[in-house]
Amino acid sequence: QPEDTAVYLCRTRIQDRDYWGQGTQ
């Protein structure tokens, strides 16, 4: 739905540290 419009990002947690992607629209 239109309300789902956003930048979608993935994240991983490795040894208690977060890493993020740049996102996809």
mmCIF file of all heavy atoms, coordinates in Angstrom:
data_MODEL
# 
_entry.id   MODEL 
# 
loop_
_atom_site.group_PDB 
_atom_site.id 
_atom_site.type_symbol 
_atom_site.label_atom_id 
_atom_site.label_alt_id 
_atom_site.label_comp_id 
_atom_site.label_asym_id 
_atom_site.label_entity_id 
_atom_site.label_seq_id 
_atom_site.pdbx_PDB_ins_code 
_atom_site.Cartn_x 
_atom_site.Cartn_y 
_atom_site.Cartn_z 
_atom_site.occupancy 
_atom_site.B_iso_or_equiv 
_atom_site.pdbx_formal_charge 
_atom_site.auth_seq_id 
_atom_site.auth_comp_id 
_atom_site.auth_asym_id 
_atom_site.auth_atom_id 
_atom_site.pdbx_PDB_model_num 
ATOM 1   N N   . GLN A 1 1  ? 0.837  -1.180  0.000  1.00 0.00 ? 1  GLN A N   1 
ATOM 2   C CA  . GLN A 1 1  ? 0.000  0.000   0.000  1.00 0.00 ? 1  GLN A CA  1 
ATOM 3   C C   . GLN A 1 1  ? 0.879  1.240   0.000  1.00 0.00 ? 1  GLN A C   1 
ATOM 4   O O   . GLN A 1 1  ? 2.070  1.166   0.327  1.00 0.00 ? 1  GLN A O   1 
ATOM 5   C CB  . GLN A 1 1  ? -0.922 0.001   1.220  1.00 0.00 ? 1  GLN A CB  1 
ATOM 6   C CG  . GLN A 1 1  ? -1.873 -1.183  1.284  1.00 0.00 ? 1  GLN A CG  1 
ATOM 7   C CD  . GLN A 1 1  ? -2.807 -1.235  0.088  1.00 0.00 ? 1  GLN A CD  1 
ATOM 8   O OE1 . GLN A 1 1  ? -3.356 -0.209  -0.326 1.00 0.00 ? 1  GLN A OE1 1 
ATOM 9   N NE2 . GLN A 1 1  ? -2.993 -2.421  -0.469 1.00 0.00 ? 1  GLN A NE2 1 
ATOM 10  N N   . PRO A 1 2  ? 0.316  2.400   -0.363 1.00 0.00 ? 2  PRO A N   1 
ATOM 11  C CA  . PRO A 1 2  ? 1.135  3.618   -0.375 1.00 0.00 ? 2  PRO A CA  1 
ATOM 12  C C   . PRO A 1 2  ? 1.858  3.893   0.932  1.00 0.00 ? 2  PRO A C   1 
ATOM 13  O O   . PRO A 1 2  ? 2.964  4.441   0.920  1.00 0.00 ? 2  PRO A O   1 
ATOM 14  C CB  . PRO A 1 2  ? 0.105  4.714   -0.701 1.00 0.00 ? 2  PRO A CB  1 
ATOM 15  C CG  . PRO A 1 2  ? -0.910 4.006   -1.542 1.00 0.00 ? 2  PRO A CG  1 
ATOM 16  C CD  . PRO A 1 2  ? -1.020 2.630   -0.934 1.00 0.00 ? 2  PRO A CD  1 
ATOM 17  N N   . GLU A 1 3  ? 1.260  3.518   2.054  1.00 0.00 ? 3  GLU A N   1 
ATOM 18  C CA  . GLU A 1 3  ? 1.905  3.738   3.345  1.00 0.00 ? 3  GLU A CA  1 
ATOM 19  C C   . GLU A 1 3  ? 3.159  2.901   3.529  1.00 0.00 ? 3  GLU A C   1 
ATOM 20  O O   . GLU A 1 3  ? 3.928  3.128   4.461  1.00 0.00 ? 3  GLU A O   1 
ATOM 21  C CB  . GLU A 1 3  ? 0.926  3.460   4.492  1.00 0.00 ? 3  GLU A CB  1 
ATOM 22  C CG  . GLU A 1 3  ? 0.478  2.013   4.584  1.00 0.00 ? 3  GLU A CG  1 
ATOM 23  C CD  . GLU A 1 3  ? -0.665 1.821   5.564  1.00 0.00 ? 3  GLU A CD  1 
ATOM 24  O OE1 . GLU A 1 3  ? -1.689 2.521   5.419  1.00 0.00 ? 3  GLU A OE1 1 
ATOM 25  O OE2 . GLU A 1 3  ? -0.527 0.990   6.476  1.00 0.00 ? 3  GLU A OE2 1 
ATOM 26  N N   . ASP A 1 4  ? 3.374  1.921   2.662  1.00 0.00 ? 4  ASP A N   1 
ATOM 27  C CA  . ASP A 1 4  ? 4.593  1.125   2.701  1.00 0.00 ? 4  ASP A CA  1 
ATOM 28  C C   . ASP A 1 4  ? 5.755  1.796   1.979  1.00 0.00 ? 4  ASP A C   1 
ATOM 29  O O   . ASP A 1 4  ? 6.868  1.275   2.007  1.00 0.00 ? 4  ASP A O   1 
ATOM 30  C CB  . ASP A 1 4  ? 4.353  -0.256  2.091  1.00 0.00 ? 4  ASP A CB  1 
ATOM 31  C CG  . ASP A 1 4  ? 3.365  -1.089  2.886  1.00 0.00 ? 4  ASP A CG  1 
ATOM 32  O OD1 . ASP A 1 4  ? 3.500  -1.155  4.123  1.00 0.00 ? 4  ASP A OD1 1 
ATOM 33  O OD2 . ASP A 1 4  ? 2.462  -1.689  2.261  1.00 0.00 ? 4  ASP A OD2 1 
ATOM 34  N N   . THR A 1 5  ? 5.497  2.902   1.326  1.00 0.00 ? 5  THR A N   1 
ATOM 35  C CA  . THR A 1 5  ? 6.554  3.624   0.640  1.00 0.00 ? 5  THR A CA  1 
ATOM 36  C C   . THR A 1 5  ? 7.616  4.076   1.633  1.00 0.00 ? 5  THR A C   1 
ATOM 37  O O   . THR A 1 5  ? 7.310  4.746   2.621  1.00 0.00 ? 5  THR A O   1 
ATOM 38  C CB  . THR A 1 5  ? 5.988  4.836   -0.106 1.00 0.00 ? 5  THR A CB  1 
ATOM 39  O OG1 . THR A 1 5  ? 5.099  4.390   -1.133 1.00 0.00 ? 5  THR A OG1 1 
ATOM 40  C CG2 . THR A 1 5  ? 7.100  5.656   -0.738 1.00 0.00 ? 5  THR A CG2 1 
ATOM 41  N N   . ALA A 1 6  ? 8.856  3.694   1.389  1.00 0.00 ? 6  ALA A N   1 
ATOM 42  C CA  . ALA A 1 6  ? 9.941  3.997   2.311  1.00 0.00 ? 6  ALA A CA  1 
ATOM 43  C C   . ALA A 1 6  ? 11.246 3.490   1.721  1.00 0.00 ? 6  ALA A C   1 
ATOM 44  O O   . ALA A 1 6  ? 11.264 2.783   0.712  1.00 0.00 ? 6  ALA A O   1 
ATOM 45  C CB  . ALA A 1 6  ? 9.704  3.345   3.675  1.00 0.00 ? 6  ALA A CB  1 
ATOM 46  N N   . VAL A 1 7  ? 12.327 3.851   2.373  1.00 0.00 ? 7  VAL A N   1 
ATOM 47  C CA  . VAL A 1 7  ? 13.609 3.225   2.112  1.00 0.00 ? 7  VAL A CA  1 
ATOM 48  C C   . VAL A 1 7  ? 13.723 2.018   3.030  1.00 0.00 ? 7  VAL A C   1 
ATOM 49  O O   . VAL A 1 7  ? 13.578 2.136   4.243  1.00 0.00 ? 7  VAL A O   1 
ATOM 50  C CB  . VAL A 1 7  ? 14.775 4.199   2.349  1.00 0.00 ? 7  VAL A CB  1 
ATOM 51  C CG1 . VAL A 1 7  ? 16.115 3.469   2.222  1.00 0.00 ? 7  VAL A CG1 1 
ATOM 52  C CG2 . VAL A 1 7  ? 14.714 5.360   1.365  1.00 0.00 ? 7  VAL A CG2 1 
ATOM 53  N N   . TYR A 1 8  ? 13.978 0.881   2.445  1.00 0.00 ? 8  TYR A N   1 
ATOM 54  C CA  . TYR A 1 8  ? 14.077 -0.356  3.205  1.00 0.00 ? 8  TYR A CA  1 
ATOM 55  C C   . TYR A 1 8  ? 15.540 -0.705  3.411  1.00 0.00 ? 8  TYR A C   1 
ATOM 56  O O   . TYR A 1 8  ? 16.332 -0.701  2.467  1.00 0.00 ? 8  TYR A O   1 
ATOM 57  C CB  . TYR A 1 8  ? 13.346 -1.488  2.484  1.00 0.00 ? 8  TYR A CB  1 
ATOM 58  C CG  . TYR A 1 8  ? 11.847 -1.371  2.613  1.00 0.00 ? 8  TYR A CG  1 
ATOM 59  C CD1 . TYR A 1 8  ? 11.152 -0.372  1.946  1.00 0.00 ? 8  TYR A CD1 1 
ATOM 60  C CD2 . TYR A 1 8  ? 11.133 -2.240  3.435  1.00 0.00 ? 8  TYR A CD2 1 
ATOM 61  C CE1 . TYR A 1 8  ? 9.788  -0.237  2.089  1.00 0.00 ? 8  TYR A CE1 1 
ATOM 62  C CE2 . TYR A 1 8  ? 9.765  -2.113  3.580  1.00 0.00 ? 8  TYR A CE2 1 
ATOM 63  C CZ  . TYR A 1 8  ? 9.094  -1.112  2.908  1.00 0.00 ? 8  TYR A CZ  1 
ATOM 64  O OH  . TYR A 1 8  ? 7.725  -0.987  3.053  1.00 0.00 ? 8  TYR A OH  1 
ATOM 65  N N   . LEU A 1 9  ? 15.892 -1.002  4.647  1.00 0.00 ? 9  LEU A N   1 
ATOM 66  C CA  . LEU A 1 9  ? 17.270 -1.250  5.019  1.00 0.00 ? 9  LEU A CA  1 
ATOM 67  C C   . LEU A 1 9  ? 17.410 -2.575  5.733  1.00 0.00 ? 9  LEU A C   1 
ATOM 68  O O   . LEU A 1 9  ? 16.517 -2.982  6.486  1.00 0.00 ? 9  LEU A O   1 
ATOM 69  C CB  . LEU A 1 9  ? 17.801 -0.142  5.937  1.00 0.00 ? 9  LEU A CB  1 
ATOM 70  C CG  . LEU A 1 9  ? 17.674 1.300   5.451  1.00 0.00 ? 9  LEU A CG  1 
ATOM 71  C CD1 . LEU A 1 9  ? 16.505 1.992   6.139  1.00 0.00 ? 9  LEU A CD1 1 
ATOM 72  C CD2 . LEU A 1 9  ? 18.967 2.054   5.708  1.00 0.00 ? 9  LEU A CD2 1 
ATOM 73  N N   . CYS A 1 10 ? 18.523 -3.222  5.518  1.00 0.00 ? 10 CYS A N   1 
ATOM 74  C CA  . CYS A 1 10 ? 18.828 -4.417  6.283  1.00 0.00 ? 10 CYS A CA  1 
ATOM 75  C C   . CYS A 1 10 ? 19.923 -4.116  7.291  1.00 0.00 ? 10 CYS A C   1 
ATOM 76  O O   . CYS A 1 10 ? 20.693 -3.173  7.140  1.00 0.00 ? 10 CYS A O   1 
ATOM 77  C CB  . CYS A 1 10 ? 19.218 -5.592  5.380  1.00 0.00 ? 10 CYS A CB  1 
ATOM 78  S SG  . CYS A 1 10 ? 20.708 -5.350  4.393  1.00 0.00 ? 10 CYS A SG  1 
ATOM 79  N N   . ARG A 1 11 ? 19.963 -4.934  8.323  1.00 0.00 ? 11 ARG A N   1 
ATOM 80  C CA  . ARG A 1 11 ? 20.924 -4.742  9.403  1.00 0.00 ? 11 ARG A CA  1 
ATOM 81  C C   . ARG A 1 11 ? 21.352 -6.098  9.907  1.00 0.00 ? 11 ARG A C   1 
ATOM 82  O O   . ARG A 1 11 ? 20.559 -7.046  9.956  1.00 0.00 ? 11 ARG A O   1 
ATOM 83  C CB  . ARG A 1 11 ? 20.292 -3.928  10.545 1.00 0.00 ? 11 ARG A CB  1 
ATOM 84  C CG  . ARG A 1 11 ? 21.132 -3.862  11.825 1.00 0.00 ? 11 ARG A CG  1 
ATOM 85  C CD  . ARG A 1 11 ? 20.526 -2.914  12.834 1.00 0.00 ? 11 ARG A CD  1 
ATOM 86  N NE  . ARG A 1 11 ? 19.256 -3.371  13.372 1.00 0.00 ? 11 ARG A NE  1 
ATOM 87  C CZ  . ARG A 1 11 ? 19.113 -4.083  14.486 1.00 0.00 ? 11 ARG A CZ  1 
ATOM 88  N NH1 . ARG A 1 11 ? 20.190 -4.445  15.187 1.00 0.00 ? 11 ARG A NH1 1 
ATOM 89  N NH2 . ARG A 1 11 ? 17.910 -4.437  14.904 1.00 0.00 ? 11 ARG A NH2 1 
ATOM 90  N N   . THR A 1 12 ? 22.603 -6.185  10.303 1.00 0.00 ? 12 THR A N   1 
ATOM 91  C CA  . THR A 1 12 ? 23.090 -7.387  10.947 1.00 0.00 ? 12 THR A CA  1 
ATOM 92  C C   . THR A 1 12 ? 23.783 -7.018  12.245 1.00 0.00 ? 12 THR A C   1 
ATOM 93  O O   . THR A 1 12 ? 24.285 -5.900  12.401 1.00 0.00 ? 12 THR A O   1 
ATOM 94  C CB  . THR A 1 12 ? 24.038 -8.177  10.032 1.00 0.00 ? 12 THR A CB  1 
ATOM 95  O OG1 . THR A 1 12 ? 24.322 -9.455  10.614 1.00 0.00 ? 12 THR A OG1 1 
ATOM 96  C CG2 . THR A 1 12 ? 25.356 -7.435  9.818  1.00 0.00 ? 12 THR A CG2 1 
ATOM 97  N N   . ARG A 1 13 ? 23.769 -7.935  13.179 1.00 0.00 ? 13 ARG A N   1 
ATOM 98  C CA  . ARG A 1 13 ? 24.439 -7.733  14.454 1.00 0.00 ? 13 ARG A CA  1 
ATOM 99  C C   . ARG A 1 13 ? 25.516 -8.782  14.596 1.00 0.00 ? 13 ARG A C   1 
ATOM 100 O O   . ARG A 1 13 ? 25.225 -9.988  14.582 1.00 0.00 ? 13 ARG A O   1 
ATOM 101 C CB  . ARG A 1 13 ? 23.447 -7.806  15.609 1.00 0.00 ? 13 ARG A CB  1 
ATOM 102 C CG  . ARG A 1 13 ? 24.097 -7.714  16.994 1.00 0.00 ? 13 ARG A CG  1 
ATOM 103 C CD  . ARG A 1 13 ? 23.047 -7.528  18.084 1.00 0.00 ? 13 ARG A CD  1 
ATOM 104 N NE  . ARG A 1 13 ? 22.551 -6.163  18.103 1.00 0.00 ? 13 ARG A NE  1 
ATOM 105 C CZ  . ARG A 1 13 ? 23.003 -5.219  18.937 1.00 0.00 ? 13 ARG A CZ  1 
ATOM 106 N NH1 . ARG A 1 13 ? 23.953 -5.489  19.817 1.00 0.00 ? 13 ARG A NH1 1 
ATOM 107 N NH2 . ARG A 1 13 ? 22.500 -3.995  18.879 1.00 0.00 ? 13 ARG A NH2 1 
ATOM 108 N N   . ILE A 1 14 ? 26.745 -8.336  14.711 1.00 0.00 ? 14 ILE A N   1 
ATOM 109 C CA  . ILE A 1 14 ? 27.894 -9.204  14.827 1.00 0.00 ? 14 ILE A CA  1 
ATOM 110 C C   . ILE A 1 14 ? 28.710 -8.766  16.037 1.00 0.00 ? 14 ILE A C   1 
ATOM 111 O O   . ILE A 1 14 ? 29.168 -7.626  16.096 1.00 0.00 ? 14 ILE A O   1 
ATOM 112 C CB  . ILE A 1 14 ? 28.773 -9.171  13.564 1.00 0.00 ? 14 ILE A CB  1 
ATOM 113 C CG1 . ILE A 1 14 ? 27.955 -9.570  12.336 1.00 0.00 ? 14 ILE A CG1 1 
ATOM 114 C CG2 . ILE A 1 14 ? 29.977 -10.088 13.730 1.00 0.00 ? 14 ILE A CG2 1 
ATOM 115 C CD1 . ILE A 1 14 ? 28.698 -9.416  11.033 1.00 0.00 ? 14 ILE A CD1 1 
ATOM 116 N N   . GLN A 1 15 ? 28.861 -9.658  16.997 1.00 0.00 ? 15 GLN A N   1 
ATOM 117 C CA  . GLN A 1 15 ? 29.611 -9.365  18.211 1.00 0.00 ? 15 GLN A CA  1 
ATOM 118 C C   . GLN A 1 15 ? 29.140 -8.059  18.851 1.00 0.00 ? 15 GLN A C   1 
ATOM 119 O O   . GLN A 1 15 ? 29.942 -7.184  19.169 1.00 0.00 ? 15 GLN A O   1 
ATOM 120 C CB  . GLN A 1 15 ? 31.112 -9.331  17.926 1.00 0.00 ? 15 GLN A CB  1 
ATOM 121 C CG  . GLN A 1 15 ? 31.667 -10.671 17.483 1.00 0.00 ? 15 GLN A CG  1 
ATOM 122 C CD  . GLN A 1 15 ? 33.154 -10.641 17.217 1.00 0.00 ? 15 GLN A CD  1 
ATOM 123 O OE1 . GLN A 1 15 ? 33.716 -9.613  16.839 1.00 0.00 ? 15 GLN A OE1 1 
ATOM 124 N NE2 . GLN A 1 15 ? 33.801 -11.779 17.423 1.00 0.00 ? 15 GLN A NE2 1 
ATOM 125 N N   . ASP A 1 16 ? 27.842 -7.943  19.003 1.00 0.00 ? 16 ASP A N   1 
ATOM 126 C CA  . ASP A 1 16 ? 27.191 -6.825  19.667 1.00 0.00 ? 16 ASP A CA  1 
ATOM 127 C C   . ASP A 1 16 ? 27.383 -5.490  18.961 1.00 0.00 ? 16 ASP A C   1 
ATOM 128 O O   . ASP A 1 16 ? 27.231 -4.426  19.572 1.00 0.00 ? 16 ASP A O   1 
ATOM 129 C CB  . ASP A 1 16 ? 27.656 -6.710  21.121 1.00 0.00 ? 16 ASP A CB  1 
ATOM 130 C CG  . ASP A 1 16 ? 27.310 -7.938  21.934 1.00 0.00 ? 16 ASP A CG  1 
ATOM 131 O OD1 . ASP A 1 16 ? 26.214 -8.505  21.719 1.00 0.00 ? 16 ASP A OD1 1 
ATOM 132 O OD2 . ASP A 1 16 ? 28.122 -8.334  22.785 1.00 0.00 ? 16 ASP A OD2 1 
ATOM 133 N N   . ARG A 1 17 ? 27.686 -5.518  17.675 1.00 0.00 ? 17 ARG A N   1 
ATOM 134 C CA  . ARG A 1 17 ? 27.800 -4.308  16.878 1.00 0.00 ? 17 ARG A CA  1 
ATOM 135 C C   . ARG A 1 17 ? 26.874 -4.401  15.674 1.00 0.00 ? 17 ARG A C   1 
ATOM 136 O O   . ARG A 1 17 ? 26.788 -5.458  15.044 1.00 0.00 ? 17 ARG A O   1 
ATOM 137 C CB  . ARG A 1 17 ? 29.244 -4.101  16.415 1.00 0.00 ? 17 ARG A CB  1 
ATOM 138 C CG  . ARG A 1 17 ? 29.450 -2.850  15.577 1.00 0.00 ? 17 ARG A CG  1 
ATOM 139 C CD  . ARG A 1 17 ? 30.904 -2.673  15.202 1.00 0.00 ? 17 ARG A CD  1 
ATOM 140 N NE  . ARG A 1 17 ? 31.100 -1.508  14.351 1.00 0.00 ? 17 ARG A NE  1 
ATOM 141 C CZ  . ARG A 1 17 ? 32.269 -1.103  13.878 1.00 0.00 ? 17 ARG A CZ  1 
ATOM 142 N NH1 . ARG A 1 17 ? 33.372 -1.786  14.177 1.00 0.00 ? 17 ARG A NH1 1 
ATOM 143 N NH2 . ARG A 1 17 ? 32.349 -0.028  13.112 1.00 0.00 ? 17 ARG A NH2 1 
ATOM 144 N N   . ASP A 1 18 ? 26.194 -3.306  15.380 1.00 0.00 ? 18 ASP A N   1 
ATOM 145 C CA  . ASP A 1 18 ? 25.254 -3.264  14.272 1.00 0.00 ? 18 ASP A CA  1 
ATOM 146 C C   . ASP A 1 18 ? 25.909 -2.740  13.011 1.00 0.00 ? 18 ASP A C   1 
ATOM 147 O O   . ASP A 1 18 ? 26.699 -1.797  13.034 1.00 0.00 ? 18 ASP A O   1 
ATOM 148 C CB  . ASP A 1 18 ? 24.056 -2.375  14.607 1.00 0.00 ? 18 ASP A CB  1 
ATOM 149 C CG  . ASP A 1 18 ? 23.142 -2.989  15.647 1.00 0.00 ? 18 ASP A CG  1 
ATOM 150 O OD1 . ASP A 1 18 ? 23.042 -4.236  15.683 1.00 0.00 ? 18 ASP A OD1 1 
ATOM 151 O OD2 . ASP A 1 18 ? 22.532 -2.236  16.420 1.00 0.00 ? 18 ASP A OD2 1 
ATOM 152 N N   . TYR A 1 19 ? 25.548 -3.343  11.889 1.00 0.00 ? 19 TYR A N   1 
ATOM 153 C CA  . TYR A 1 19 ? 25.997 -2.908  10.578 1.00 0.00 ? 19 TYR A CA  1 
ATOM 154 C C   . TYR A 1 19 ? 24.769 -2.724  9.699  1.00 0.00 ? 19 TYR A C   1 
ATOM 155 O O   . TYR A 1 19 ? 23.892 -3.590  9.661  1.00 0.00 ? 19 TYR A O   1 
ATOM 156 C CB  . TYR A 1 19 ? 26.945 -3.926  9.947  1.00 0.00 ? 19 TYR A CB  1 
ATOM 157 C CG  . TYR A 1 19 ? 28.196 -4.175  10.750 1.00 0.00 ? 19 TYR A CG  1 
ATOM 158 C CD1 . TYR A 1 19 ? 28.204 -5.118  11.765 1.00 0.00 ? 19 TYR A CD1 1 
ATOM 159 C CD2 . TYR A 1 19 ? 29.360 -3.467  10.495 1.00 0.00 ? 19 TYR A CD2 1 
ATOM 160 C CE1 . TYR A 1 19 ? 29.343 -5.349  12.514 1.00 0.00 ? 19 TYR A CE1 1 
ATOM 161 C CE2 . TYR A 1 19 ? 30.505 -3.691  11.235 1.00 0.00 ? 19 TYR A CE2 1 
ATOM 162 C CZ  . TYR A 1 19 ? 30.491 -4.634  12.247 1.00 0.00 ? 19 TYR A CZ  1 
ATOM 163 O OH  . TYR A 1 19 ? 31.630 -4.852  12.982 1.00 0.00 ? 19 TYR A OH  1 
ATOM 164 N N   . TRP A 1 20 ? 24.726 -1.607  8.969  1.00 0.00 ? 20 TRP A N   1 
ATOM 165 C CA  . TRP A 1 20 ? 23.568 -1.240  8.163  1.00 0.00 ? 20 TRP A CA  1 
ATOM 166 C C   . TRP A 1 20 ? 23.916 -1.156  6.695  1.00 0.00 ? 20 TRP A C   1 
ATOM 167 O O   . TRP A 1 20 ? 25.020 -0.768  6.321  1.00 0.00 ? 20 TRP A O   1 
ATOM 168 C CB  . TRP A 1 20 ? 23.025 0.120   8.600  1.00 0.00 ? 20 TRP A CB  1 
ATOM 169 C CG  . TRP A 1 20 ? 22.418 0.147   9.964  1.00 0.00 ? 20 TRP A CG  1 
ATOM 170 C CD1 . TRP A 1 20 ? 23.070 0.294   11.154 1.00 0.00 ? 20 TRP A CD1 1 
ATOM 171 C CD2 . TRP A 1 20 ? 21.027 0.045   10.276 1.00 0.00 ? 20 TRP A CD2 1 
ATOM 172 N NE1 . TRP A 1 20 ? 22.173 0.295   12.189 1.00 0.00 ? 20 TRP A NE1 1 
ATOM 173 C CE2 . TRP A 1 20 ? 20.912 0.140   11.679 1.00 0.00 ? 20 TRP A CE2 1 
ATOM 174 C CE3 . TRP A 1 20 ? 19.876 -0.106  9.508  1.00 0.00 ? 20 TRP A CE3 1 
ATOM 175 C CZ2 . TRP A 1 20 ? 19.678 0.084   12.329 1.00 0.00 ? 20 TRP A CZ2 1 
ATOM 176 C CZ3 . TRP A 1 20 ? 18.652 -0.166  10.148 1.00 0.00 ? 20 TRP A CZ3 1 
ATOM 177 C CH2 . TRP A 1 20 ? 18.564 -0.066  11.548 1.00 0.00 ? 20 TRP A CH2 1 
ATOM 178 N N   . GLY A 1 21 ? 22.953 -1.474  5.855  1.00 0.00 ? 21 GLY A N   1 
ATOM 179 C CA  . GLY A 1 21 ? 23.080 -1.226  4.438  1.00 0.00 ? 21 GLY A CA  1 
ATOM 180 C C   . GLY A 1 21 ? 22.661 0.190   4.098  1.00 0.00 ? 21 GLY A C   1 
ATOM 181 O O   . GLY A 1 21 ? 22.225 0.958   4.954  1.00 0.00 ? 21 GLY A O   1 
ATOM 182 N N   . GLN A 1 22 ? 22.795 0.549   2.833  1.00 0.00 ? 22 GLN A N   1 
ATOM 183 C CA  . GLN A 1 22 ? 22.432 1.884   2.372  1.00 0.00 ? 22 GLN A CA  1 
ATOM 184 C C   . GLN A 1 22 ? 20.940 2.041   2.114  1.00 0.00 ? 22 GLN A C   1 
ATOM 185 O O   . GLN A 1 22 ? 20.432 3.156   2.108  1.00 0.00 ? 22 GLN A O   1 
ATOM 186 C CB  . GLN A 1 22 ? 23.210 2.238   1.102  1.00 0.00 ? 22 GLN A CB  1 
ATOM 187 C CG  . GLN A 1 22 ? 24.709 2.375   1.310  1.00 0.00 ? 22 GLN A CG  1 
ATOM 188 C CD  . GLN A 1 22 ? 25.056 3.546   2.189  1.00 0.00 ? 22 GLN A CD  1 
ATOM 189 O OE1 . GLN A 1 22 ? 24.567 4.659   1.980  1.00 0.00 ? 22 GLN A OE1 1 
ATOM 190 N NE2 . GLN A 1 22 ? 25.898 3.306   3.185  1.00 0.00 ? 22 GLN A NE2 1 
ATOM 191 N N   . GLY A 1 23 ? 20.253 0.955   1.897  1.00 0.00 ? 23 GLY A N   1 
ATOM 192 C CA  . GLY A 1 23 ? 18.824 0.991   1.686  1.00 0.00 ? 23 GLY A CA  1 
ATOM 193 C C   . GLY A 1 23 ? 18.438 0.931   0.219  1.00 0.00 ? 23 GLY A C   1 
ATOM 194 O O   . GLY A 1 23 ? 19.218 1.277   -0.667 1.00 0.00 ? 23 GLY A O   1 
ATOM 195 N N   . THR A 1 24 ? 17.216 0.496   -0.021 1.00 0.00 ? 24 THR A N   1 
ATOM 196 C CA  . THR A 1 24 ? 16.648 0.473   -1.355 1.00 0.00 ? 24 THR A CA  1 
ATOM 197 C C   . THR A 1 24 ? 15.248 1.068   -1.298 1.00 0.00 ? 24 THR A C   1 
ATOM 198 O O   . THR A 1 24 ? 14.475 0.779   -0.388 1.00 0.00 ? 24 THR A O   1 
ATOM 199 C CB  . THR A 1 24 ? 16.634 -0.964  -1.931 1.00 0.00 ? 24 THR A CB  1 
ATOM 200 O OG1 . THR A 1 24 ? 16.163 -0.932  -3.281 1.00 0.00 ? 24 THR A OG1 1 
ATOM 201 C CG2 . THR A 1 24 ? 15.759 -1.892  -1.106 1.00 0.00 ? 24 THR A CG2 1 
ATOM 202 N N   . GLN A 1 25 ? 14.939 1.919   -2.253 1.00 0.00 ? 25 GLN A N   1 
ATOM 203 C CA  . GLN A 1 25 ? 13.678 2.655   -2.249 1.00 0.00 ? 25 GLN A CA  1 
ATOM 204 C C   . GLN A 1 25 ? 12.540 1.790   -2.770 1.00 0.00 ? 25 GLN A C   1 
ATOM 205 O O   . GLN A 1 25 ? 12.642 1.183   -3.839 1.00 0.00 ? 25 GLN A O   1 
ATOM 206 C CB  . GLN A 1 25 ? 13.799 3.919   -3.098 1.00 0.00 ? 25 GLN A CB  1 
ATOM 207 C CG  . GLN A 1 25 ? 12.499 4.718   -3.225 1.00 0.00 ? 25 GLN A CG  1 
ATOM 208 C CD  . GLN A 1 25 ? 12.112 5.415   -1.945 1.00 0.00 ? 25 GLN A CD  1 
ATOM 209 O OE1 . GLN A 1 25 ? 12.972 6.030   -1.298 1.00 0.00 ? 25 GLN A OE1 1 
ATOM 210 N NE2 . GLN A 1 25 ? 10.844 5.336   -1.571 1.00 0.00 ? 25 GLN A NE2 1 
# 
